[in-house]
Amino acid sequence: MILGYIISAVDGEHHSMIRTKFLTKLFVLGDICSFMIQSTGAGLLTKKDEDAPTAGKYIIVGGLVVQLLFFGFFMVVSVVFYRRLNREPTRRSKSGEIAWRPHMWLLFTASLLILIRSVFRVVEYVQGPDGYFLSHEIYMYIFDAILMAAVVLLFNVLHPSQITALLSGRKAVHQVLRVENKAKLASQEEDVEKQTHQSRDVMPMTALGRSE
């Protein structure tokens, strides 16, 4: 969502690989697919069939990999947009109305931390309950808790509300202008209608004067 807000704020949709109206939907769909695959695998783990738990484990890993692929693609889309906008800035990106670069670097940093955490979770699950990571609790704090706490802290330092407030302000201005334009148009239509009535009233009087 943040990437979509930044793209809209700088009027840079033509620099994005994916249109903003599809951006959030695509990656939310990826998360849903990943969740459904992992849920299917988790369901197999509870079955008494001998081969079901093994199949379930591989399916869960597959779901985690799908999540990684979608997230990796998201990072590619972000980097491509950043490079294109730097190469061909839009009028709004140059205006200084919004400090879009700090927000993009925040997004890159947070995305990298989340990616590291996601890779750790995949490796942790592949190793199993007797694996090195699960048997050493410290790694869970380093590659999970600390990374997520850092992400939360970063977004509190540079909150996305700066962008959403700007977009909300623009929408409010556009709505005011739309109302004013409608009022002007209605006033113009009334003036035209009055002129039409006046011309209709003058024409019979002119015809009457001629007949006399």
N, C-alpha and C. Protein backbone atom coordinates (compact mmCIF):
# COMPACT_ATOMS: atom_id res chain seq x y z
N MET A 1 0.82 -1.20 0.00
CA MET A 1 0.00 0.00 0.00
C MET A 1 0.86 1.26 0.00
N ILE A 2 1.96 1.24 0.75
CA ILE A 2 2.81 2.42 0.85
C ILE A 2 3.40 2.76 -0.52
N LEU A 3 3.84 1.75 -1.24
CA LEU A 3 4.39 2.00 -2.58
C LEU A 3 3.35 2.64 -3.48
N GLY A 4 2.12 2.15 -3.42
CA GLY A 4 1.04 2.73 -4.21
C GLY A 4 0.78 4.18 -3.84
N TYR A 5 0.84 4.49 -2.54
CA TYR A 5 0.65 5.87 -2.08
C TYR A 5 1.75 6.78 -2.63
N ILE A 6 3.00 6.30 -2.58
CA ILE A 6 4.12 7.11 -3.07
C ILE A 6 3.97 7.36 -4.56
N ILE A 7 3.62 6.32 -5.31
CA ILE A 7 3.44 6.46 -6.76
C ILE A 7 2.36 7.49 -7.07
N SER A 8 1.26 7.44 -6.33
CA SER A 8 0.17 8.40 -6.55
C SER A 8 0.59 9.81 -6.15
N ALA A 9 1.36 9.92 -5.06
CA ALA A 9 1.76 11.23 -4.55
C ALA A 9 2.65 11.98 -5.53
N VAL A 10 3.49 11.26 -6.27
CA VAL A 10 4.42 11.91 -7.20
C VAL A 10 3.92 11.85 -8.64
N ASP A 11 2.69 11.36 -8.83
CA ASP A 11 2.13 11.19 -10.19
C ASP A 11 3.07 10.38 -11.08
N GLY A 12 3.55 9.26 -10.54
CA GLY A 12 4.54 8.47 -11.28
C GLY A 12 4.04 7.12 -11.74
N GLU A 13 2.74 6.99 -11.97
CA GLU A 13 2.21 5.67 -12.35
C GLU A 13 2.83 5.15 -13.65
N HIS A 14 3.19 6.06 -14.56
CA HIS A 14 3.78 5.62 -15.84
C HIS A 14 5.18 5.03 -15.63
N HIS A 15 5.78 5.24 -14.46
CA HIS A 15 7.09 4.65 -14.16
C HIS A 15 6.95 3.28 -13.47
N SER A 16 5.75 2.93 -13.06
CA SER A 16 5.55 1.67 -12.32
C SER A 16 5.32 0.50 -13.28
N MET A 17 5.86 -0.65 -12.91
CA MET A 17 5.66 -1.86 -13.72
C MET A 17 4.20 -2.32 -13.67
N ILE A 18 3.51 -1.98 -12.57
CA ILE A 18 2.12 -2.40 -12.37
C ILE A 18 1.30 -1.17 -12.04
N ARG A 19 0.11 -1.06 -12.59
CA ARG A 19 -0.75 0.07 -12.31
C ARG A 19 -1.14 0.08 -10.83
N THR A 20 -1.27 1.27 -10.26
CA THR A 20 -1.49 1.39 -8.82
C THR A 20 -2.77 0.69 -8.36
N LYS A 21 -3.81 0.67 -9.21
CA LYS A 21 -5.06 0.04 -8.78
C LYS A 21 -4.95 -1.48 -8.69
N PHE A 22 -3.92 -2.06 -9.33
CA PHE A 22 -3.69 -3.50 -9.26
C PHE A 22 -2.57 -3.86 -8.29
N LEU A 23 -1.78 -2.88 -7.87
CA LEU A 23 -0.57 -3.13 -7.10
C LEU A 23 -0.87 -3.85 -5.79
N THR A 24 -1.67 -3.24 -4.95
CA THR A 24 -2.00 -3.83 -3.64
C THR A 24 -2.75 -5.14 -3.81
N LYS A 25 -3.69 -5.17 -4.76
CA LYS A 25 -4.50 -6.37 -4.97
C LYS A 25 -3.62 -7.57 -5.34
N LEU A 26 -2.61 -7.33 -6.19
CA LEU A 26 -1.75 -8.42 -6.63
C LEU A 26 -0.99 -9.04 -5.47
N PHE A 27 -0.39 -8.20 -4.63
CA PHE A 27 0.45 -8.73 -3.55
C PHE A 27 -0.39 -9.26 -2.39
N VAL A 28 -1.58 -8.72 -2.19
CA VAL A 28 -2.50 -9.31 -1.21
C VAL A 28 -2.94 -10.68 -1.69
N LEU A 29 -3.19 -10.79 -2.99
CA LEU A 29 -3.55 -12.09 -3.57
C LEU A 29 -2.42 -13.10 -3.37
N GLY A 30 -1.17 -12.65 -3.51
CA GLY A 30 -0.03 -13.53 -3.27
C GLY A 30 0.01 -14.02 -1.83
N ASP A 31 -0.27 -13.13 -0.89
CA ASP A 31 -0.30 -13.53 0.53
C ASP A 31 -1.42 -14.53 0.80
N ILE A 32 -2.58 -14.30 0.16
CA ILE A 32 -3.71 -15.22 0.35
C ILE A 32 -3.37 -16.60 -0.21
N CYS A 33 -2.76 -16.63 -1.40
CA CYS A 33 -2.36 -17.92 -2.00
C CYS A 33 -1.37 -18.65 -1.10
N SER A 34 -0.40 -17.90 -0.59
CA SER A 34 0.60 -18.50 0.30
C SER A 34 -0.06 -19.06 1.55
N PHE A 35 -0.99 -18.30 2.13
CA PHE A 35 -1.68 -18.74 3.34
C PHE A 35 -2.51 -20.00 3.08
N MET A 36 -3.20 -20.03 1.94
CA MET A 36 -4.04 -21.19 1.60
C MET A 36 -3.19 -22.44 1.40
N ILE A 37 -2.05 -22.28 0.74
CA ILE A 37 -1.15 -23.43 0.52
C ILE A 37 -0.62 -23.96 1.86
N GLN A 38 -0.20 -23.04 2.72
CA GLN A 38 0.32 -23.45 4.03
C GLN A 38 -0.77 -24.10 4.88
N SER A 39 -1.99 -23.59 4.77
CA SER A 39 -3.11 -24.18 5.52
C SER A 39 -3.39 -25.60 5.04
N THR A 40 -3.29 -25.81 3.73
CA THR A 40 -3.49 -27.16 3.18
C THR A 40 -2.43 -28.12 3.73
N GLY A 41 -1.19 -27.64 3.73
CA GLY A 41 -0.10 -28.47 4.26
C GLY A 41 -0.28 -28.76 5.74
N ALA A 42 -0.72 -27.76 6.50
CA ALA A 42 -0.94 -27.96 7.93
C ALA A 42 -2.05 -28.98 8.18
N GLY A 43 -3.05 -28.98 7.31
CA GLY A 43 -4.13 -29.96 7.44
C GLY A 43 -3.64 -31.38 7.24
N LEU A 44 -2.69 -31.55 6.32
CA LEU A 44 -2.15 -32.90 6.07
C LEU A 44 -1.30 -33.39 7.25
N LEU A 45 -0.71 -32.46 7.99
CA LEU A 45 0.13 -32.86 9.13
C LEU A 45 -0.66 -33.60 10.21
N THR A 46 -1.95 -33.35 10.28
CA THR A 46 -2.79 -33.94 11.33
C THR A 46 -3.35 -35.31 10.94
N LYS A 47 -3.17 -35.67 9.68
CA LYS A 47 -3.73 -36.96 9.22
C LYS A 47 -2.87 -38.12 9.70
N LYS A 48 -3.52 -39.27 9.85
CA LYS A 48 -2.84 -40.46 10.36
C LYS A 48 -2.11 -41.23 9.26
N ASP A 49 -2.38 -40.87 8.02
CA ASP A 49 -1.71 -41.54 6.90
C ASP A 49 -0.19 -41.37 7.03
N GLU A 50 0.54 -42.42 6.70
CA GLU A 50 1.99 -42.41 6.88
C GLU A 50 2.68 -41.34 6.06
N ASP A 51 2.23 -41.17 4.83
CA ASP A 51 2.90 -40.23 3.92
C ASP A 51 2.36 -38.80 4.03
N ALA A 52 1.21 -38.62 4.68
CA ALA A 52 0.57 -37.31 4.73
C ALA A 52 1.43 -36.25 5.43
N PRO A 53 2.01 -36.54 6.60
CA PRO A 53 2.83 -35.51 7.27
C PRO A 53 4.01 -35.03 6.43
N THR A 54 4.65 -35.95 5.72
CA THR A 54 5.79 -35.56 4.87
C THR A 54 5.32 -34.67 3.73
N ALA A 55 4.20 -35.07 3.11
CA ALA A 55 3.64 -34.26 2.02
C ALA A 55 3.22 -32.88 2.54
N GLY A 56 2.63 -32.87 3.73
CA GLY A 56 2.21 -31.61 4.33
C GLY A 56 3.38 -30.68 4.57
N LYS A 57 4.49 -31.23 5.02
CA LYS A 57 5.69 -30.42 5.27
C LYS A 57 6.18 -29.77 3.98
N TYR A 58 6.23 -30.54 2.90
CA TYR A 58 6.68 -29.99 1.62
C TYR A 58 5.72 -28.93 1.08
N ILE A 59 4.43 -29.15 1.31
CA ILE A 59 3.43 -28.18 0.85
C ILE A 59 3.57 -26.87 1.61
N ILE A 60 3.80 -26.96 2.91
CA ILE A 60 4.00 -25.74 3.72
C ILE A 60 5.23 -24.98 3.24
N VAL A 61 6.31 -25.72 2.98
CA VAL A 61 7.53 -25.09 2.46
C VAL A 61 7.23 -24.41 1.11
N GLY A 62 6.43 -25.09 0.29
CA GLY A 62 6.03 -24.50 -0.99
C GLY A 62 5.27 -23.20 -0.80
N GLY A 63 4.38 -23.17 0.20
CA GLY A 63 3.63 -21.94 0.50
C GLY A 63 4.55 -20.81 0.94
N LEU A 64 5.55 -21.15 1.75
CA LEU A 64 6.51 -20.14 2.20
C LEU A 64 7.35 -19.62 1.04
N VAL A 65 7.69 -20.51 0.12
CA VAL A 65 8.46 -20.10 -1.07
C VAL A 65 7.62 -19.18 -1.95
N VAL A 66 6.33 -19.48 -2.10
CA VAL A 66 5.43 -18.61 -2.87
C VAL A 66 5.41 -17.21 -2.26
N GLN A 67 5.35 -17.15 -0.95
CA GLN A 67 5.37 -15.86 -0.25
C GLN A 67 6.67 -15.11 -0.54
N LEU A 68 7.79 -15.83 -0.53
CA LEU A 68 9.08 -15.22 -0.82
C LEU A 68 9.14 -14.69 -2.24
N LEU A 69 8.60 -15.46 -3.18
CA LEU A 69 8.62 -15.05 -4.59
C LEU A 69 7.82 -13.77 -4.80
N PHE A 70 6.64 -13.71 -4.22
CA PHE A 70 5.81 -12.51 -4.35
C PHE A 70 6.49 -11.31 -3.70
N PHE A 71 7.08 -11.53 -2.55
CA PHE A 71 7.73 -10.42 -1.86
C PHE A 71 8.97 -9.96 -2.61
N GLY A 72 9.70 -10.92 -3.17
CA GLY A 72 10.85 -10.58 -4.00
C GLY A 72 10.44 -9.76 -5.22
N PHE A 73 9.33 -10.15 -5.83
CA PHE A 73 8.82 -9.41 -6.98
C PHE A 73 8.41 -8.00 -6.57
N PHE A 74 7.83 -7.87 -5.38
CA PHE A 74 7.47 -6.54 -4.87
C PHE A 74 8.70 -5.65 -4.76
N MET A 75 9.80 -6.21 -4.27
CA MET A 75 11.02 -5.43 -4.14
C MET A 75 11.56 -5.02 -5.50
N VAL A 76 11.44 -5.91 -6.48
CA VAL A 76 11.86 -5.58 -7.85
C VAL A 76 11.03 -4.42 -8.39
N VAL A 77 9.72 -4.48 -8.20
CA VAL A 77 8.82 -3.41 -8.66
C VAL A 77 9.20 -2.08 -8.01
N SER A 78 9.52 -2.12 -6.72
CA SER A 78 9.89 -0.91 -5.98
C SER A 78 11.18 -0.31 -6.51
N VAL A 79 12.19 -1.15 -6.71
CA VAL A 79 13.50 -0.68 -7.18
C VAL A 79 13.39 -0.12 -8.60
N VAL A 80 12.65 -0.81 -9.46
CA VAL A 80 12.47 -0.34 -10.84
C VAL A 80 11.79 1.02 -10.86
N PHE A 81 10.75 1.19 -10.04
CA PHE A 81 10.06 2.48 -9.97
C PHE A 81 11.01 3.57 -9.49
N TYR A 82 11.79 3.30 -8.46
CA TYR A 82 12.72 4.28 -7.91
C TYR A 82 13.73 4.72 -8.96
N ARG A 83 14.30 3.77 -9.68
CA ARG A 83 15.31 4.08 -10.69
C ARG A 83 14.71 4.87 -11.85
N ARG A 84 13.51 4.49 -12.28
CA ARG A 84 12.87 5.22 -13.38
C ARG A 84 12.52 6.65 -12.98
N LEU A 85 12.05 6.82 -11.75
CA LEU A 85 11.67 8.16 -11.28
C LEU A 85 12.91 9.04 -11.11
N ASN A 86 14.01 8.46 -10.68
CA ASN A 86 15.26 9.22 -10.58
C ASN A 86 15.75 9.65 -11.96
N ARG A 87 15.56 8.76 -12.93
CA ARG A 87 16.04 9.05 -14.29
C ARG A 87 15.14 10.07 -15.00
N GLU A 88 13.83 9.94 -14.80
CA GLU A 88 12.87 10.86 -15.42
C GLU A 88 11.90 11.37 -14.35
N PRO A 89 12.31 12.38 -13.57
CA PRO A 89 11.45 12.88 -12.48
C PRO A 89 10.16 13.50 -13.01
N THR A 90 9.11 13.37 -12.24
CA THR A 90 7.85 14.03 -12.57
C THR A 90 7.85 15.43 -11.97
N ARG A 91 6.89 16.25 -12.37
CA ARG A 91 6.81 17.62 -11.85
C ARG A 91 6.61 17.62 -10.34
N ARG A 92 5.77 16.72 -9.85
CA ARG A 92 5.50 16.67 -8.40
C ARG A 92 6.71 16.15 -7.62
N SER A 93 7.45 15.20 -8.20
CA SER A 93 8.62 14.67 -7.48
C SER A 93 9.71 15.72 -7.36
N LYS A 94 9.76 16.68 -8.30
CA LYS A 94 10.76 17.75 -8.24
C LYS A 94 10.31 18.96 -7.43
N SER A 95 9.01 19.03 -7.15
CA SER A 95 8.46 20.22 -6.50
C SER A 95 8.84 20.35 -5.03
N GLY A 96 9.25 19.25 -4.41
CA GLY A 96 9.56 19.27 -2.98
C GLY A 96 8.32 19.20 -2.11
N GLU A 97 7.18 18.95 -2.74
CA GLU A 97 5.92 18.85 -1.99
C GLU A 97 5.94 17.67 -1.03
N ILE A 98 6.66 16.62 -1.44
CA ILE A 98 6.77 15.43 -0.60
C ILE A 98 8.19 14.89 -0.68
N ALA A 99 8.73 14.50 0.48
CA ALA A 99 10.08 13.91 0.52
C ALA A 99 9.96 12.42 0.20
N TRP A 100 9.80 12.12 -1.08
CA TRP A 100 9.50 10.75 -1.48
C TRP A 100 10.71 9.82 -1.35
N ARG A 101 11.92 10.36 -1.51
CA ARG A 101 13.11 9.51 -1.41
C ARG A 101 13.27 8.88 -0.02
N PRO A 102 13.17 9.65 1.07
CA PRO A 102 13.25 9.00 2.39
C PRO A 102 12.21 7.90 2.60
N HIS A 103 11.00 8.13 2.07
CA HIS A 103 9.96 7.11 2.20
C HIS A 103 10.31 5.86 1.39
N MET A 104 10.91 6.05 0.22
CA MET A 104 11.31 4.90 -0.59
C MET A 104 12.44 4.12 0.10
N TRP A 105 13.41 4.85 0.67
CA TRP A 105 14.51 4.16 1.35
C TRP A 105 14.02 3.46 2.61
N LEU A 106 13.03 4.05 3.25
CA LEU A 106 12.41 3.36 4.40
C LEU A 106 11.75 2.07 3.92
N LEU A 107 11.06 2.14 2.79
CA LEU A 107 10.40 0.95 2.24
C LEU A 107 11.43 -0.12 1.87
N PHE A 108 12.54 0.28 1.26
CA PHE A 108 13.59 -0.67 0.91
C PHE A 108 14.17 -1.35 2.16
N THR A 109 14.45 -0.54 3.18
CA THR A 109 15.04 -1.08 4.42
C THR A 109 14.09 -2.06 5.10
N ALA A 110 12.83 -1.63 5.24
CA ALA A 110 11.83 -2.50 5.88
C ALA A 110 11.63 -3.78 5.08
N SER A 111 11.59 -3.66 3.76
CA SER A 111 11.40 -4.84 2.90
C SER A 111 12.56 -5.81 3.04
N LEU A 112 13.78 -5.28 3.11
CA LEU A 112 14.96 -6.14 3.27
C LEU A 112 14.92 -6.88 4.60
N LEU A 113 14.53 -6.19 5.67
CA LEU A 113 14.44 -6.84 6.98
C LEU A 113 13.38 -7.94 6.98
N ILE A 114 12.24 -7.66 6.35
CA ILE A 114 11.17 -8.66 6.27
C ILE A 114 11.61 -9.84 5.42
N LEU A 115 12.34 -9.57 4.33
CA LEU A 115 12.83 -10.65 3.47
C LEU A 115 13.79 -11.56 4.23
N ILE A 116 14.71 -10.96 5.00
CA ILE A 116 15.64 -11.76 5.80
C ILE A 116 14.88 -12.64 6.79
N ARG A 117 13.88 -12.04 7.44
CA ARG A 117 13.07 -12.79 8.39
C ARG A 117 12.33 -13.94 7.71
N SER A 118 11.81 -13.70 6.49
CA SER A 118 11.06 -14.73 5.76
C SER A 118 11.97 -15.88 5.35
N VAL A 119 13.18 -15.55 4.90
CA VAL A 119 14.15 -16.60 4.54
C VAL A 119 14.51 -17.42 5.77
N PHE A 120 14.70 -16.76 6.89
CA PHE A 120 15.00 -17.46 8.15
C PHE A 120 13.89 -18.43 8.50
N ARG A 121 12.63 -17.99 8.35
CA ARG A 121 11.50 -18.85 8.70
C ARG A 121 11.44 -20.09 7.79
N VAL A 122 11.79 -19.90 6.51
CA VAL A 122 11.80 -21.04 5.58
C VAL A 122 12.88 -22.04 6.00
N VAL A 123 14.08 -21.53 6.23
CA VAL A 123 15.19 -22.41 6.63
C VAL A 123 14.88 -23.10 7.95
N GLU A 124 14.32 -22.35 8.88
CA GLU A 124 13.96 -22.90 10.19
C GLU A 124 12.97 -24.04 10.05
N TYR A 125 11.97 -23.86 9.17
CA TYR A 125 10.96 -24.90 9.02
C TYR A 125 11.53 -26.11 8.29
N VAL A 126 12.39 -25.89 7.29
CA VAL A 126 13.00 -27.00 6.55
C VAL A 126 13.85 -27.86 7.48
N GLN A 127 14.55 -27.22 8.40
CA GLN A 127 15.40 -27.96 9.34
C GLN A 127 14.59 -28.82 10.29
N GLY A 128 13.35 -28.40 10.56
CA GLY A 128 12.50 -29.19 11.43
C GLY A 128 12.69 -28.87 12.91
N PRO A 129 11.91 -29.53 13.76
CA PRO A 129 11.97 -29.26 15.22
C PRO A 129 13.31 -29.58 15.85
N ASP A 130 14.09 -30.44 15.22
CA ASP A 130 15.40 -30.80 15.77
C ASP A 130 16.52 -30.02 15.09
N GLY A 131 16.15 -29.05 14.26
CA GLY A 131 17.16 -28.29 13.52
C GLY A 131 17.94 -27.34 14.40
N TYR A 132 18.99 -26.78 13.80
CA TYR A 132 19.91 -25.92 14.56
C TYR A 132 19.22 -24.66 15.06
N PHE A 133 18.42 -24.02 14.19
CA PHE A 133 17.79 -22.75 14.57
C PHE A 133 16.76 -22.92 15.69
N LEU A 134 15.94 -23.95 15.60
CA LEU A 134 14.92 -24.16 16.63
C LEU A 134 15.53 -24.62 17.96
N SER A 135 16.68 -25.24 17.88
CA SER A 135 17.32 -25.71 19.12
C SER A 135 18.18 -24.62 19.77
N HIS A 136 18.32 -23.46 19.09
CA HIS A 136 19.06 -22.32 19.65
C HIS A 136 18.14 -21.10 19.60
N GLU A 137 17.53 -20.80 20.72
CA GLU A 137 16.48 -19.77 20.80
C GLU A 137 16.97 -18.38 20.41
N ILE A 138 18.25 -18.13 20.58
CA ILE A 138 18.79 -16.80 20.32
C ILE A 138 18.53 -16.36 18.88
N TYR A 139 18.55 -17.32 17.95
CA TYR A 139 18.35 -16.96 16.53
C TYR A 139 16.93 -16.48 16.25
N MET A 140 15.98 -16.98 17.02
CA MET A 140 14.60 -16.52 16.86
C MET A 140 14.48 -15.04 17.22
N TYR A 141 15.23 -14.63 18.24
CA TYR A 141 15.21 -13.22 18.64
C TYR A 141 15.94 -12.35 17.62
N ILE A 142 17.06 -12.85 17.11
CA ILE A 142 17.88 -12.06 16.18
C ILE A 142 17.18 -11.90 14.83
N PHE A 143 16.71 -13.02 14.27
CA PHE A 143 16.18 -12.99 12.91
C PHE A 143 14.66 -12.88 12.83
N ASP A 144 14.01 -12.76 13.97
CA ASP A 144 12.55 -12.62 13.95
C ASP A 144 12.11 -11.41 14.79
N ALA A 145 12.22 -11.52 16.08
CA ALA A 145 11.70 -10.48 16.98
C ALA A 145 12.40 -9.13 16.77
N ILE A 146 13.73 -9.12 16.73
CA ILE A 146 14.47 -7.86 16.59
C ILE A 146 14.19 -7.21 15.23
N LEU A 147 14.15 -8.02 14.18
CA LEU A 147 13.91 -7.48 12.84
C LEU A 147 12.52 -6.85 12.74
N MET A 148 11.51 -7.52 13.29
CA MET A 148 10.14 -6.97 13.24
C MET A 148 10.00 -5.74 14.11
N ALA A 149 10.70 -5.72 15.26
CA ALA A 149 10.68 -4.52 16.12
C ALA A 149 11.33 -3.35 15.39
N ALA A 150 12.40 -3.63 14.63
CA ALA A 150 13.07 -2.58 13.86
C ALA A 150 12.14 -2.02 12.79
N VAL A 151 11.38 -2.88 12.14
CA VAL A 151 10.43 -2.43 11.11
C VAL A 151 9.38 -1.50 11.72
N VAL A 152 8.84 -1.92 12.87
CA VAL A 152 7.82 -1.09 13.54
C VAL A 152 8.41 0.26 13.93
N LEU A 153 9.63 0.25 14.45
CA LEU A 153 10.29 1.49 14.87
C LEU A 153 10.53 2.41 13.68
N LEU A 154 10.98 1.86 12.57
CA LEU A 154 11.24 2.66 11.37
C LEU A 154 9.98 3.37 10.88
N PHE A 155 8.86 2.64 10.87
CA PHE A 155 7.62 3.24 10.37
C PHE A 155 7.02 4.22 11.37
N ASN A 156 7.49 4.20 12.61
CA ASN A 156 7.07 5.22 13.57
C ASN A 156 7.91 6.47 13.44
N VAL A 157 9.17 6.31 13.02
CA VAL A 157 10.05 7.46 12.81
C VAL A 157 9.60 8.25 11.58
N LEU A 158 9.33 7.54 10.50
CA LEU A 158 8.88 8.18 9.25
C LEU A 158 7.54 7.54 8.86
N HIS A 159 6.49 8.08 9.41
CA HIS A 159 5.18 7.44 9.28
C HIS A 159 4.56 7.69 7.90
N PRO A 160 3.92 6.66 7.31
CA PRO A 160 3.27 6.81 5.99
C PRO A 160 2.12 7.82 5.98
N SER A 161 1.66 8.24 7.17
CA SER A 161 0.55 9.20 7.21
C SER A 161 0.91 10.52 6.54
N GLN A 162 2.22 10.81 6.43
CA GLN A 162 2.66 12.01 5.73
C GLN A 162 2.21 11.98 4.27
N ILE A 163 2.25 10.79 3.69
CA ILE A 163 1.84 10.65 2.29
C ILE A 163 0.32 10.62 2.18
N THR A 164 -0.32 9.84 3.06
CA THR A 164 -1.78 9.73 2.99
C THR A 164 -2.46 11.07 3.27
N ALA A 165 -1.87 11.88 4.17
CA ALA A 165 -2.43 13.20 4.46
C ALA A 165 -2.35 14.09 3.22
N LEU A 166 -1.23 14.00 2.51
CA LEU A 166 -1.07 14.78 1.28
C LEU A 166 -2.10 14.37 0.24
N LEU A 167 -2.29 13.07 0.07
CA LEU A 167 -3.26 12.58 -0.91
C LEU A 167 -4.68 12.96 -0.51
N SER A 168 -4.98 12.89 0.80
CA SER A 168 -6.31 13.28 1.27
C SER A 168 -6.56 14.77 1.02
N GLY A 169 -5.52 15.58 1.24
CA GLY A 169 -5.64 17.01 0.98
C GLY A 169 -5.92 17.30 -0.48
N ARG A 170 -5.24 16.57 -1.36
CA ARG A 170 -5.47 16.74 -2.80
C ARG A 170 -6.90 16.36 -3.18
N LYS A 171 -7.37 15.26 -2.60
CA LYS A 171 -8.74 14.82 -2.90
C LYS A 171 -9.75 15.87 -2.46
N ALA A 172 -9.50 16.46 -1.28
CA ALA A 172 -10.42 17.49 -0.77
C ALA A 172 -10.43 18.70 -1.70
N VAL A 173 -9.24 19.10 -2.16
CA VAL A 173 -9.14 20.24 -3.09
C VAL A 173 -9.86 19.92 -4.39
N HIS A 174 -9.68 18.70 -4.89
CA HIS A 174 -10.35 18.30 -6.13
C HIS A 174 -11.86 18.31 -5.98
N GLN A 175 -12.34 17.87 -4.81
CA GLN A 175 -13.78 17.87 -4.57
C GLN A 175 -14.34 19.29 -4.53
N VAL A 176 -13.59 20.20 -3.88
CA VAL A 176 -14.01 21.61 -3.83
C VAL A 176 -14.06 22.20 -5.23
N LEU A 177 -13.01 21.94 -6.01
CA LEU A 177 -12.97 22.45 -7.39
C LEU A 177 -14.09 21.87 -8.22
N ARG A 178 -14.41 20.59 -8.00
CA ARG A 178 -15.48 19.96 -8.74
C ARG A 178 -16.83 20.61 -8.42
N VAL A 179 -17.05 20.89 -7.13
CA VAL A 179 -18.29 21.55 -6.71
C VAL A 179 -18.37 22.96 -7.31
N GLU A 180 -17.24 23.69 -7.28
CA GLU A 180 -17.22 25.04 -7.83
C GLU A 180 -17.48 25.02 -9.33
N ASN A 181 -16.89 24.05 -10.03
CA ASN A 181 -17.11 23.94 -11.48
C ASN A 181 -18.57 23.63 -11.80
N LYS A 182 -19.18 22.75 -10.98
CA LYS A 182 -20.60 22.44 -11.18
C LYS A 182 -21.46 23.67 -10.96
N ALA A 183 -21.11 24.46 -9.92
CA ALA A 183 -21.86 25.67 -9.62
C ALA A 183 -21.73 26.68 -10.77
N LYS A 184 -20.52 26.84 -11.30
CA LYS A 184 -20.30 27.75 -12.42
C LYS A 184 -21.07 27.29 -13.65
N LEU A 185 -21.04 25.98 -13.90
CA LEU A 185 -21.75 25.44 -15.05
C LEU A 185 -23.26 25.66 -14.92
N ALA A 186 -23.77 25.44 -13.71
CA ALA A 186 -25.20 25.66 -13.48
C ALA A 186 -25.56 27.13 -13.67
N SER A 187 -24.67 28.03 -13.19
CA SER A 187 -24.91 29.47 -13.35
C SER A 187 -24.91 29.87 -14.82
N GLN A 188 -23.97 29.30 -15.58
CA GLN A 188 -23.90 29.59 -17.01
C GLN A 188 -25.15 29.08 -17.74
N GLU A 189 -25.63 27.91 -17.34
CA GLU A 189 -26.85 27.37 -17.96
C GLU A 189 -28.05 28.25 -17.66
N GLU A 190 -28.11 28.78 -16.43
CA GLU A 190 -29.22 29.68 -16.07
C GLU A 190 -29.16 30.96 -16.89
N ASP A 191 -27.93 31.51 -17.07
CA ASP A 191 -27.78 32.72 -17.87
C ASP A 191 -28.22 32.50 -19.31
N VAL A 192 -27.82 31.35 -19.86
CA VAL A 192 -28.21 31.03 -21.24
C VAL A 192 -29.72 30.90 -21.35
N GLU A 193 -30.31 30.24 -20.33
CA GLU A 193 -31.76 30.06 -20.34
C GLU A 193 -32.50 31.40 -20.25
N LYS A 194 -31.98 32.34 -19.42
CA LYS A 194 -32.58 33.66 -19.30
C LYS A 194 -32.49 34.43 -20.61
N GLN A 195 -31.31 34.33 -21.25
CA GLN A 195 -31.13 35.02 -22.53
C GLN A 195 -32.07 34.46 -23.59
N THR A 196 -32.27 33.16 -23.55
CA THR A 196 -33.17 32.52 -24.50
C THR A 196 -34.60 33.01 -24.31
N HIS A 197 -35.04 33.09 -23.02
CA HIS A 197 -36.39 33.58 -22.73
C HIS A 197 -36.55 35.04 -23.14
N GLN A 198 -35.50 35.83 -22.90
CA GLN A 198 -35.57 37.24 -23.26
C GLN A 198 -35.68 37.42 -24.76
N SER A 199 -34.91 36.64 -25.51
CA SER A 199 -34.97 36.73 -26.98
C SER A 199 -36.33 36.29 -27.50
N ARG A 200 -36.95 35.31 -26.82
CA ARG A 200 -38.27 34.86 -27.23
C ARG A 200 -39.32 35.94 -26.96
N ASP A 201 -39.15 36.69 -25.85
CA ASP A 201 -40.09 37.76 -25.52
C ASP A 201 -39.94 38.94 -26.47
N VAL A 202 -38.74 39.22 -26.93
CA VAL A 202 -38.49 40.36 -27.82
C VAL A 202 -39.03 40.09 -29.22
N MET A 203 -38.94 38.86 -29.68
CA MET A 203 -39.35 38.51 -31.05
C MET A 203 -40.83 38.79 -31.31
N PRO A 204 -41.79 38.42 -30.43
CA PRO A 204 -43.20 38.74 -30.69
C PRO A 204 -43.46 40.24 -30.72
N MET A 205 -42.77 41.00 -29.86
CA MET A 205 -42.96 42.45 -29.83
C MET A 205 -42.46 43.09 -31.11
N THR A 206 -41.38 42.57 -31.65
CA THR A 206 -40.82 43.08 -32.91
C THR A 206 -41.77 42.80 -34.07
N ALA A 207 -42.33 41.58 -34.05
CA ALA A 207 -43.28 41.21 -35.11
C ALA A 207 -44.54 42.07 -35.03
N LEU A 208 -44.99 42.37 -33.78
CA LEU A 208 -46.17 43.20 -33.61
C LEU A 208 -45.93 44.63 -34.12
N GLY A 209 -44.75 45.18 -33.86
CA GLY A 209 -44.42 46.52 -34.32
C GLY A 209 -44.40 46.60 -35.83
N ARG A 210 -43.92 45.55 -36.47
CA ARG A 210 -43.87 45.53 -37.92
C ARG A 210 -45.28 45.48 -38.53
N SER A 211 -46.17 44.72 -37.89
CA SER A 211 -47.54 44.59 -38.43
C SER A 211 -48.29 45.92 -38.32
N GLU A 212 -47.97 46.73 -37.28
CA GLU A 212 -48.63 48.01 -37.15
C GLU A 212 -48.11 48.98 -38.22
